[in-house]
Amino acid sequence: MQHPIWVILAWAVACFAVGLKLRRLSHLLFQKTLNRAFSTEDFRASLERIWEKEKVR
């Protein structure tokens, strides 16, 4: 049986990684939206570009 600390550590690392990913995505979105006004289509296109970049990684 595994020690409980390793399970907790694995969950902590996973949560940390998800938090970093969300922070990066939100930073990119807010930085771009603050620089210029987006129409709905422009905003949608920028999201799709970000998602395509994320798929490559």
C-alpha atoms as a PDB file:
ATOM      1  CA  MET A   1       0.000   0.000   0.000  1.00  0.00           C
ATOM      2  CA  GLN A   2       1.258   3.474  -0.852  1.00  0.00           C
ATOM      3  CA  HIS A   3       1.940   6.046   1.778  1.00  0.00           C
ATOM      4  CA  PRO A   4      -0.833   8.679   1.889  1.00  0.00           C
ATOM      5  CA  ILE A   5       1.690  11.502   1.607  1.00  0.00           C
ATOM      6  CA  TRP A   6       2.564  10.473  -1.968  1.00  0.00           C
ATOM      7  CA  VAL A   7      -1.084  10.593  -3.012  1.00  0.00           C
ATOM      8  CA  ILE A   8      -1.476  14.026  -1.476  1.00  0.00           C
ATOM      9  CA  LEU A   9       1.746  15.192  -3.110  1.00  0.00           C
ATOM     10  CA  ALA A  10       0.571  13.983  -6.527  1.00  0.00           C
ATOM     11  CA  TRP A  11      -2.729  15.867  -6.152  1.00  0.00           C
ATOM     12  CA  ALA A  12      -0.892  19.000  -5.015  1.00  0.00           C
ATOM     13  CA  VAL A  13       1.389  18.904  -8.062  1.00  0.00           C
ATOM     14  CA  ALA A  14      -1.586  18.377 -10.392  1.00  0.00           C
ATOM     15  CA  CYS A  15      -3.509  21.280  -8.828  1.00  0.00           C
ATOM     16  CA  PHE A  16      -0.464  23.508  -9.069  1.00  0.00           C
ATOM     17  CA  ALA A  17      -0.045  22.681 -12.775  1.00  0.00           C
ATOM     18  CA  VAL A  18      -3.702  23.404 -13.501  1.00  0.00           C
ATOM     19  CA  GLY A  19      -3.459  26.682 -11.626  1.00  0.00           C
ATOM     20  CA  LEU A  20      -0.428  27.758 -13.642  1.00  0.00           C
ATOM     21  CA  LYS A  21      -2.184  26.871 -16.906  1.00  0.00           C
ATOM     22  CA  LEU A  22      -5.291  28.869 -15.960  1.00  0.00           C
ATOM     23  CA  ARG A  23      -3.189  31.805 -14.823  1.00  0.00           C
ATOM     24  CA  ARG A  24      -1.270  31.832 -18.109  1.00  0.00           C
ATOM     25  CA  LEU A  25      -4.420  31.635 -20.232  1.00  0.00           C
ATOM     26  CA  SER A  26      -6.219  34.328 -18.282  1.00  0.00           C
ATOM     27  CA  HIS A  27      -3.152  36.578 -18.386  1.00  0.00           C
ATOM     28  CA  LEU A  28      -2.950  36.265 -22.162  1.00  0.00           C
ATOM     29  CA  LEU A  29      -6.658  36.939 -22.610  1.00  0.00           C
ATOM     30  CA  PHE A  30      -6.809  39.939 -20.301  1.00  0.00           C
ATOM     31  CA  GLN A  31      -3.598  41.406 -21.675  1.00  0.00           C
ATOM     32  CA  LYS A  32      -4.958  41.275 -25.223  1.00  0.00           C
ATOM     33  CA  THR A  33      -8.419  42.547 -24.306  1.00  0.00           C
ATOM     34  CA  LEU A  34      -6.998  45.488 -22.378  1.00  0.00           C
ATOM     35  CA  ASN A  35      -4.790  46.519 -25.299  1.00  0.00           C
ATOM     36  CA  ARG A  36      -7.636  46.820 -27.772  1.00  0.00           C
ATOM     37  CA  ALA A  37     -11.350  46.337 -28.011  1.00  0.00           C
ATOM     38  CA  PHE A  38     -12.419  42.994 -29.438  1.00  0.00           C
ATOM     39  CA  SER A  39     -15.494  42.243 -31.434  1.00  0.00           C
ATOM     40  CA  THR A  40     -17.056  38.895 -30.618  1.00  0.00           C
ATOM     41  CA  GLU A  41     -15.541  37.297 -33.704  1.00  0.00           C
ATOM     42  CA  ASP A  42     -12.070  38.691 -32.959  1.00  0.00           C
ATOM     43  CA  PHE A  43     -12.257  37.405 -29.395  1.00  0.00           C
ATOM     44  CA  ARG A  44     -13.393  33.975 -30.595  1.00  0.00           C
ATOM     45  CA  ALA A  45     -10.578  33.830 -33.154  1.00  0.00           C
ATOM     46  CA  SER A  46      -7.994  34.748 -30.512  1.00  0.00           C
ATOM     47  CA  LEU A  47      -9.280  31.989 -28.213  1.00  0.00           C
ATOM     48  CA  GLU A  48      -9.042  29.466 -31.025  1.00  0.00           C
ATOM     49  CA  ARG A  49      -5.447  30.525 -31.761  1.00  0.00           C
ATOM     50  CA  ILE A  50      -4.527  30.095 -28.087  1.00  0.00           C
ATOM     51  CA  TRP A  51      -6.153  26.661 -27.974  1.00  0.00           C
ATOM     52  CA  GLU A  52      -4.333  25.599 -31.132  1.00  0.00           C
ATOM     53  CA  LYS A  53      -1.010  26.659 -29.576  1.00  0.00           C
ATOM     54  CA  GLU A  54      -1.867  24.658 -26.452  1.00  0.00           C
ATOM     55  CA  LYS A  55      -2.623  21.539 -28.523  1.00  0.00           C
ATOM     56  CA  VAL A  56       0.843  21.724 -30.090  1.00  0.00           C
ATOM     57  CA  ARG A  57       2.546  21.715 -26.674  1.00  0.00           C
END
